[in-house]
């Protein structure tokens, strides 16, 4: 999921929308949290929690990535 989001961040135009399925899975939510905390993506909407299915809508950042090389926020 992490690598998928990396590529989607490059494919989708700035401020674009990424639909993320299986958000109820801890690994999927954890991967998304990196982009939310480190790359300025925004969590637009999350469906109601269900142990079998949940989705989320993420919006990519409109600002260019100008982080210094060592920038990191725990996610």
Protein backbone atom coordinates (compact mmCIF):
# COMPACT_ATOMS: atom_id res chain seq x y z
CA UNK A 1 0.00 0.00 0.00
CA UNK A 2 2.82 2.39 0.84
CA UNK A 3 4.43 2.03 -2.59
CA UNK A 4 1.02 2.33 -4.27
CA UNK A 5 0.46 5.64 -2.48
CA UNK A 6 3.95 6.82 -3.48
CA UNK A 7 3.16 6.24 -7.15
CA UNK A 8 -0.35 7.64 -6.88
CA UNK A 9 1.10 10.80 -5.35
CA UNK A 10 3.15 11.23 -8.50
CA UNK A 11 0.37 10.28 -10.92
CA UNK A 12 -2.44 12.39 -9.47
CA UNK A 13 -2.27 16.14 -10.04
CA UNK A 14 -1.56 18.36 -7.00
CA UNK A 15 -4.69 18.63 -4.88
CA UNK A 16 -6.08 15.49 -6.51
CA UNK A 17 -8.09 12.78 -4.80
CA UNK A 18 -6.99 9.25 -3.93
CA UNK A 19 -9.60 6.68 -2.90
CA UNK A 20 -8.22 4.16 -0.43
CA UNK A 21 -10.06 0.89 0.20
CA UNK A 22 -9.65 -1.48 3.18
CA UNK A 23 -8.86 1.45 5.49
CA UNK A 24 -9.99 -0.68 8.44
CA UNK A 25 -6.79 -2.72 8.13
CA UNK A 26 -4.05 -1.38 10.44
CA UNK A 27 -1.35 -1.59 7.74
CA UNK A 28 -3.42 0.45 5.28
CA UNK A 29 -4.22 3.13 7.86
CA UNK A 30 -0.57 3.22 8.90
CA UNK A 31 0.64 3.68 5.32
CA UNK A 32 -1.85 6.52 4.79
CA UNK A 33 -0.74 8.20 8.00
CA UNK A 34 2.77 8.68 6.58
CA UNK A 35 1.38 10.74 3.71
CA UNK A 36 -0.94 12.67 6.00
CA UNK A 37 1.78 13.55 8.52
CA UNK A 38 4.83 13.93 6.29
CA UNK A 39 3.61 15.04 2.86
CA UNK A 40 0.73 17.34 3.72
CA UNK A 41 -2.05 15.15 2.34
CA UNK A 42 -5.49 15.64 3.89
CA UNK A 43 -8.07 13.12 5.02
CA UNK A 44 -11.22 14.29 3.25
CA UNK A 45 -13.67 11.59 4.28
CA UNK A 46 -13.79 8.19 5.97
CA UNK A 47 -16.68 5.76 5.76
CA UNK A 48 -18.25 4.34 8.89
CA UNK A 49 -16.05 1.76 10.58
CA UNK A 50 -16.80 -1.85 9.80
CA UNK A 51 -14.47 -4.78 10.53
CA UNK A 52 -15.01 -6.08 6.99
CA UNK A 53 -14.82 -2.89 4.95
CA UNK A 54 -13.96 0.78 5.28
CA UNK A 55 -12.72 3.33 2.78
CA UNK A 56 -11.06 6.73 2.95
CA UNK A 57 -10.64 9.65 0.58
CA UNK A 58 -7.27 11.41 0.67
CA UNK A 59 -6.39 14.69 -1.03
CA UNK A 60 -2.81 15.17 -2.18
CA UNK A 61 -0.94 18.32 -1.26
CA UNK A 62 -1.06 21.35 -3.54
CA UNK A 63 2.31 22.59 -2.27
CA UNK A 64 5.55 21.26 -3.74
CA UNK A 65 7.50 18.92 -1.48
CA UNK A 66 10.18 21.21 -0.04
CA UNK A 67 11.08 19.13 3.01
CA UNK A 68 14.74 19.06 4.01
CA UNK A 69 16.49 15.74 3.44
CA UNK A 70 16.30 14.66 7.10
CA UNK A 71 12.67 15.72 7.69
CA UNK A 72 10.57 13.02 9.31
CA UNK A 73 7.47 12.91 11.49
CA UNK A 74 6.61 9.63 13.17
CA UNK A 75 3.46 8.16 11.76
